[in-house]
Amino acid sequence: MNGFVIIRLVYSCPICFFMKRILLTTCLYISIFASTAQSPQYSYSFDQNLNAAPSKDAFFTAKGFKENDLVKVEFFYKLNGRRLMTAHFTDSALNIMEGHFRSYYFNQRVETEGDYKKGLETGVWKKFDTSGRMTDSILYKEGVKFIYAKYEYTKSGMLRNYELTDSIKNTYTYKMYDSLRLKYDAFFTGTDGVLNITDSNGVTKSSPVHTRKMNEAEYPGGDRSWTNYIRQNLNAMVPVDNKAKNGIYQVIIRFKVKTDGELTDISAETNFGYGMEEEGLRIIRKAKKWTPANFFGITVEAYRRQPITFVISGD
């Protein structure tokens, strides 16, 4: 039995990357079936990067159905049959996306959904976390983002941060909550805005600010250094040594980056067992200090969620 780990950064967009790989593929492995109400008309196989591959080498599989004038394709992990995403295309060659798209987490909750028109995002797109809470709501027109709302929650499910960017009106709203109390409240027109900071006694201080710049907390050296740190320090064999069953397990570790860069409030959002959560917690706890987040010229605390995927397969 062997195991390996897929490191997935929380700020990446793996589904978009996957779909680009499909659209760039010029030689698909397609099997065509007789059309019935129950059976797929097309069958596809892909490698780990969603490049077309022979069935024996497939990491992902997909099946296609005729649906009105489109081809509806459902993508699955070959190892366990879990659904990855559902997309619509103009034809069986999967060259142009058209119609509704939906991607899924490992627990099969919806991750992202929206519509394509001639291969470009259109209308309202929504993203959700693994608990089903909406994290992003985006209004597109011909692939261009016009209005964008972002939501972040506490572990208990309460709203922590809210952002609304309106590129039409050139306005930006930001709110950060501490439990039920509004802690930071900013509103901008252009680059000029007002930041309201409310302390624990309920006293609010308002200050003019002249930049919308927000630097997220990051590991020294950026995303690549953080990924390398996890890969070099994570023991991918922990679930194998603990007799975990074959499968794909996505562990989620949540932590806070304080204003001095120290990592605190480190906890696991999943509970697969077999030592996986403990291993994820261990490497986050031993990480060195991060560069803290900076909003509108002010250093603030920030939360991060780190997915770590263990893949276990028998020889």
Protein backbone atom coordinates (compact mmCIF):
# COMPACT_ATOMS: atom_id res chain seq x y z
CA MET A 1 0.00 0.00 0.00
CA ASN A 2 1.28 3.47 -0.78
CA GLY A 3 0.29 7.05 -0.09
CA PHE A 4 0.96 10.47 -1.50
CA VAL A 5 -0.24 14.00 -0.77
CA ILE A 6 -1.75 16.66 -3.00
CA ILE A 7 -1.09 20.13 -1.55
CA ARG A 8 -3.92 22.51 -2.42
CA LEU A 9 -3.54 26.19 -1.52
CA VAL A 10 -6.73 27.84 -0.30
CA TYR A 11 -6.39 30.77 -2.66
CA SER A 12 -5.97 28.66 -5.79
CA CYS A 13 -8.66 27.87 -8.36
CA PRO A 14 -8.01 24.21 -9.29
CA ILE A 15 -11.26 23.72 -11.16
CA CYS A 16 -10.56 26.64 -13.49
CA PHE A 17 -7.08 25.21 -14.12
CA PHE A 18 -8.56 21.79 -14.85
CA MET A 19 -11.09 23.17 -17.29
CA LYS A 20 -8.40 25.07 -19.19
CA ARG A 21 -6.46 21.85 -19.53
CA ILE A 22 -9.53 20.15 -20.99
CA LEU A 23 -10.17 22.95 -23.47
CA LEU A 24 -6.52 22.86 -24.57
CA THR A 25 -6.57 19.12 -25.13
CA THR A 26 -6.60 18.28 -28.81
CA CYS A 27 -6.72 14.48 -28.72
CA LEU A 28 -9.41 13.11 -26.41
CA TYR A 29 -9.88 9.45 -25.64
CA ILE A 30 -13.62 9.10 -26.31
CA SER A 31 -15.80 6.03 -26.44
CA ILE A 32 -19.21 6.42 -28.05
CA PHE A 33 -22.14 4.34 -26.82
CA ALA A 34 -25.56 3.67 -28.23
CA SER A 35 -27.91 6.39 -27.05
CA THR A 36 -30.38 5.34 -24.37
CA ALA A 37 -32.24 7.17 -21.66
CA GLN A 38 -30.07 5.55 -18.96
CA SER A 39 -26.67 5.14 -20.58
CA PRO A 40 -24.06 7.81 -21.40
CA GLN A 41 -23.42 8.52 -25.06
CA TYR A 42 -19.72 9.36 -24.46
CA SER A 43 -16.98 8.18 -22.13
CA TYR A 44 -13.73 10.04 -21.37
CA SER A 45 -10.57 9.38 -19.39
CA PHE A 46 -7.99 11.87 -18.09
CA ASP A 47 -4.73 11.85 -16.17
CA GLN A 48 -4.14 13.72 -12.90
CA ASN A 49 -3.84 17.07 -14.73
CA LEU A 50 -6.98 16.43 -16.79
CA ASN A 51 -5.07 15.76 -19.96
CA ALA A 52 -6.63 13.05 -22.12
CA ALA A 53 -5.25 9.61 -21.27
CA PRO A 54 -5.92 5.94 -21.98
CA SER A 55 -8.42 4.34 -19.63
CA LYS A 56 -5.76 2.18 -17.95
CA ASP A 57 -3.80 5.33 -16.97
CA ALA A 58 -6.81 7.42 -15.95
CA PHE A 59 -6.96 9.38 -12.70
CA PHE A 60 -10.30 10.96 -13.66
CA THR A 61 -13.12 9.51 -15.74
CA ALA A 62 -16.12 11.27 -17.30
CA LYS A 63 -19.36 10.38 -19.01
CA GLY A 64 -21.34 12.52 -21.41
CA PHE A 65 -25.04 12.81 -22.21
CA LYS A 66 -26.92 14.70 -24.86
CA GLU A 67 -29.01 17.38 -23.15
CA ASN A 68 -31.04 19.53 -25.53
CA ASP A 69 -28.44 21.04 -27.90
CA LEU A 70 -25.54 20.55 -25.46
CA VAL A 71 -23.41 17.72 -24.11
CA LYS A 72 -23.57 17.36 -20.34
CA VAL A 73 -20.40 15.82 -18.91
CA GLU A 74 -19.95 14.48 -15.38
CA PHE A 75 -16.37 14.06 -14.11
CA PHE A 76 -15.37 11.54 -11.41
CA TYR A 77 -12.33 10.40 -9.45
CA LYS A 78 -11.54 6.95 -10.81
CA LEU A 79 -10.26 5.68 -7.46
CA ASN A 80 -13.47 6.11 -5.49
CA GLY A 81 -16.10 7.24 -8.01
CA ARG A 82 -16.71 10.57 -6.28
CA ARG A 83 -17.94 13.36 -8.48
CA LEU A 84 -15.53 16.19 -9.30
CA MET A 85 -17.71 18.45 -11.46
CA THR A 86 -20.52 18.68 -13.97
CA ALA A 87 -20.17 20.87 -17.06
CA HIS A 88 -21.92 21.49 -20.37
CA PHE A 89 -20.23 21.79 -23.76
CA THR A 90 -21.32 22.64 -27.28
CA ASP A 91 -20.15 19.26 -28.58
CA SER A 92 -18.58 15.95 -27.54
CA ALA A 93 -15.05 17.22 -28.26
CA LEU A 94 -15.38 19.49 -25.19
CA ASN A 95 -13.98 22.52 -27.02
CA ILE A 96 -16.41 25.21 -25.85
CA MET A 97 -18.22 25.38 -22.52
CA GLU A 98 -21.84 26.46 -22.67
CA GLY A 99 -24.53 26.41 -19.99
CA HIS A 100 -24.44 25.42 -16.33
CA PHE A 101 -21.25 24.40 -14.50
CA ARG A 102 -20.90 22.95 -11.02
CA SER A 103 -17.89 21.60 -9.10
CA TYR A 104 -17.89 19.56 -5.89
CA TYR A 105 -15.80 19.07 -2.76
CA PHE A 106 -14.76 15.60 -1.61
CA ASN A 107 -17.80 15.54 0.69
CA GLN A 108 -19.91 16.15 -2.44
CA ARG A 109 -21.14 19.58 -1.35
CA VAL A 110 -21.17 22.17 -4.11
CA GLU A 111 -17.90 24.13 -4.42
CA THR A 112 -18.61 26.45 -7.39
CA GLU A 113 -21.54 26.94 -9.74
CA GLY A 114 -22.49 29.31 -12.53
CA ASP A 115 -23.10 29.53 -16.26
CA TYR A 116 -20.95 29.79 -19.35
CA LYS A 117 -21.82 31.44 -22.66
CA LYS A 118 -19.47 30.76 -25.57
CA GLY A 119 -16.79 29.65 -23.14
CA LEU A 120 -16.98 32.75 -20.92
CA GLU A 121 -18.52 33.16 -17.46
CA THR A 122 -21.85 34.98 -17.50
CA GLY A 123 -24.40 36.01 -14.89
CA VAL A 124 -24.04 35.24 -11.19
CA TRP A 125 -21.42 32.72 -10.07
CA LYS A 126 -21.33 31.41 -6.51
CA LYS A 127 -18.70 29.66 -4.44
CA PHE A 128 -19.28 27.76 -1.19
CA ASP A 129 -17.19 26.28 1.60
CA THR A 130 -17.26 22.62 2.63
CA SER A 131 -20.16 23.32 5.02
CA GLY A 132 -22.35 24.78 2.29
CA ARG A 133 -21.94 28.46 3.27
CA MET A 134 -21.58 30.89 0.38
CA THR A 135 -18.12 32.46 0.28
CA ASP A 136 -18.23 34.34 -3.05
CA SER A 137 -20.91 35.85 -5.27
CA ILE A 138 -19.68 37.27 -8.57
CA LEU A 139 -21.54 39.00 -11.41
CA TYR A 140 -19.94 38.36 -14.81
CA LYS A 141 -20.60 39.65 -18.31
CA GLU A 142 -18.70 37.93 -21.14
CA GLY A 143 -16.06 36.71 -18.72
CA VAL A 144 -15.51 40.11 -17.08
CA LYS A 145 -16.13 40.47 -13.33
CA PHE A 146 -18.30 43.51 -12.51
CA ILE A 147 -19.59 43.07 -8.96
CA TYR A 148 -17.92 40.80 -6.42
CA ALA A 149 -19.06 39.93 -2.87
CA LYS A 150 -16.90 37.80 -0.59
CA TYR A 151 -17.85 36.22 2.76
CA GLU A 152 -15.66 34.59 5.42
CA TYR A 153 -16.97 32.76 8.48
CA THR A 154 -15.78 31.70 11.92
CA LYS A 155 -15.49 28.02 12.83
CA SER A 156 -18.92 28.27 14.50
CA GLY A 157 -20.44 29.58 11.27
CA MET A 158 -20.76 33.26 12.14
CA LEU A 159 -19.84 35.91 9.57
CA ARG A 160 -16.30 37.20 10.12
CA ASN A 161 -15.50 39.28 6.99
CA TYR A 162 -17.59 40.79 4.21
CA GLU A 163 -16.35 42.56 1.05
CA LEU A 164 -18.28 44.11 -1.82
CA THR A 165 -16.53 45.49 -4.89
CA ASP A 166 -18.59 47.33 -7.50
CA SER A 167 -16.47 48.17 -10.54
CA ILE A 168 -19.37 50.01 -12.19
CA LYS A 169 -19.74 52.53 -9.37
CA ASN A 170 -16.04 52.25 -8.43
CA THR A 171 -16.94 51.58 -4.81
CA TYR A 172 -15.64 49.13 -2.23
CA THR A 173 -17.09 48.07 1.14
CA TYR A 174 -15.28 46.04 3.77
CA LYS A 175 -16.55 44.80 7.14
CA MET A 176 -14.81 42.66 9.76
CA TYR A 177 -16.67 41.26 12.77
CA ASP A 178 -15.43 40.16 16.18
CA SER A 179 -18.18 37.76 17.28
CA LEU A 180 -21.34 39.84 16.78
CA ARG A 181 -19.48 43.16 17.06
CA LEU A 182 -18.48 45.12 13.96
CA LYS A 183 -14.76 45.77 14.43
CA TYR A 184 -13.63 47.29 11.10
CA ASP A 185 -15.90 49.08 8.64
CA ALA A 186 -14.53 50.76 5.51
CA PHE A 187 -16.16 52.38 2.50
CA PHE A 188 -14.32 53.69 -0.56
CA THR A 189 -15.16 55.66 -3.64
CA GLY A 190 -12.15 55.35 -5.89
CA THR A 191 -9.05 55.27 -3.70
CA ASP A 192 -10.43 57.61 -1.03
CA GLY A 193 -12.33 56.15 1.86
CA VAL A 194 -13.14 56.18 5.55
CA LEU A 195 -12.12 53.43 7.97
CA ASN A 196 -14.12 53.03 11.18
CA ILE A 197 -12.50 51.03 13.99
CA THR A 198 -14.66 50.06 16.98
CA ASP A 199 -12.92 48.95 20.17
CA SER A 200 -14.15 46.44 22.76
CA ASN A 201 -15.96 49.24 24.65
CA GLY A 202 -18.04 50.17 21.62
CA VAL A 203 -16.14 53.38 20.90
CA THR A 204 -15.65 54.03 17.18
CA LYS A 205 -12.76 55.99 15.71
CA SER A 206 -12.96 57.15 12.09
CA SER A 207 -9.91 57.83 9.95
CA PRO A 208 -9.49 58.83 6.28
CA VAL A 209 -7.62 56.26 4.20
CA HIS A 210 -6.27 56.63 0.70
CA THR A 211 -5.49 53.14 -0.49
CA ARG A 212 -7.58 50.02 -1.03
CA LYS A 213 -4.46 47.91 -0.92
CA MET A 214 -4.90 44.74 1.08
CA ASN A 215 -2.01 42.33 1.50
CA GLU A 216 -3.09 38.88 2.62
CA ALA A 217 -1.02 37.10 5.22
CA GLU A 218 1.58 34.87 3.61
CA TYR A 219 4.43 32.56 4.39
CA PRO A 220 7.92 34.09 3.85
CA GLY A 221 8.76 33.46 0.22
CA GLY A 222 5.13 33.21 -0.88
CA ASP A 223 2.93 30.34 -2.03
CA ARG A 224 5.72 28.25 -3.52
CA SER A 225 7.77 28.34 -0.32
CA TRP A 226 4.72 27.39 1.73
CA THR A 227 3.92 24.45 -0.55
CA ASN A 228 7.55 23.30 -0.41
CA TYR A 229 7.50 23.55 3.38
CA ILE A 230 4.44 21.30 3.61
CA ARG A 231 5.79 18.76 1.12
CA GLN A 232 9.16 18.55 2.85
CA ASN A 233 7.75 18.22 6.37
CA LEU A 234 4.49 16.29 5.99
CA ASN A 235 4.67 12.53 6.58
CA ALA A 236 2.35 11.22 3.86
CA MET A 237 2.63 7.68 5.23
CA VAL A 238 0.86 8.45 8.52
CA PRO A 239 -2.61 7.23 7.39
CA VAL A 240 -1.02 4.22 5.68
CA ASP A 241 0.84 3.28 8.87
CA ASN A 242 -2.45 3.65 10.76
CA LYS A 243 -4.25 1.23 8.40
CA ALA A 244 -6.51 3.78 6.68
CA LYS A 245 -8.63 2.34 3.88
CA ASN A 246 -7.95 3.16 0.25
CA GLY A 247 -9.42 6.49 -0.72
CA ILE A 248 -8.95 10.22 -1.13
CA TYR A 249 -9.09 12.27 2.08
CA GLN A 250 -9.03 16.07 2.08
CA VAL A 251 -8.00 17.36 5.50
CA ILE A 252 -8.75 21.03 6.28
CA ILE A 253 -6.60 22.88 8.83
CA ARG A 254 -7.64 26.36 9.92
CA PHE A 255 -5.35 28.85 11.65
CA LYS A 256 -5.00 32.54 12.49
CA VAL A 257 -2.05 34.74 11.57
CA LYS A 258 -1.63 37.36 14.31
CA THR A 259 -0.33 40.87 13.72
CA ASP A 260 3.17 39.75 14.73
CA GLY A 261 3.05 36.81 12.28
CA GLU A 262 2.59 34.11 14.93
CA LEU A 263 0.18 31.26 14.04
CA THR A 264 -2.52 30.58 16.64
CA ASP A 265 -6.03 29.08 16.91
CA ILE A 266 -4.83 26.09 14.87
CA SER A 267 -7.58 23.51 14.51
CA ALA A 268 -8.87 20.81 12.17
CA GLU A 269 -12.22 21.24 10.42
CA THR A 270 -12.32 17.59 9.32
CA ASN A 271 -12.27 14.36 11.31
CA PHE A 272 -11.15 11.50 9.06
CA GLY A 273 -8.88 10.03 11.72
CA TYR A 274 -5.96 7.65 11.11
CA GLY A 275 -3.62 10.42 12.28
CA MET A 276 -4.26 12.65 9.24
CA GLU A 277 -5.59 15.66 11.12
CA GLU A 278 -2.88 15.32 13.76
CA GLU A 279 -0.22 15.30 11.06
CA GLY A 280 -1.68 18.42 9.43
CA LEU A 281 -1.84 20.19 12.80
CA ARG A 282 1.75 19.20 13.57
CA ILE A 283 3.31 20.81 10.53
CA ILE A 284 1.23 24.00 10.85
CA ARG A 285 2.22 24.33 14.50
CA LYS A 286 5.94 24.01 13.73
CA ALA A 287 5.87 26.55 10.88
CA LYS A 288 7.80 29.77 11.34
CA LYS A 289 6.12 33.16 11.55
CA TRP A 290 4.22 34.53 8.55
CA THR A 291 4.08 38.04 7.15
CA PRO A 292 0.82 39.39 8.63
CA ALA A 293 -2.06 40.80 6.63
CA ASN A 294 -2.21 44.54 6.01
CA PHE A 295 -5.52 46.23 5.18
CA PHE A 296 -5.60 49.88 4.08
CA GLY A 297 -2.19 50.51 5.67
CA ILE A 298 -3.13 48.82 8.95
CA THR A 299 -1.73 45.46 10.09
CA VAL A 300 -4.56 43.11 11.07
CA GLU A 301 -5.15 39.50 12.10
CA ALA A 302 -6.22 37.08 9.36
CA TYR A 303 -7.50 33.51 9.16
CA ARG A 304 -6.34 30.84 6.70
CA ARG A 305 -7.68 27.41 5.70
CA GLN A 306 -5.17 24.89 4.39
CA PRO A 307 -6.46 21.81 2.53
CA ILE A 308 -4.13 18.79 2.47
CA THR A 309 -5.20 15.79 0.40
CA PHE A 310 -4.02 12.28 1.23
CA VAL A 311 -4.42 9.70 -1.51
CA ILE A 312 -4.15 6.07 -0.42
CA SER A 313 -4.14 3.21 -2.88
CA GLY A 314 -3.27 -0.48 -2.66
CA ASP A 315 -0.53 -2.04 -4.76
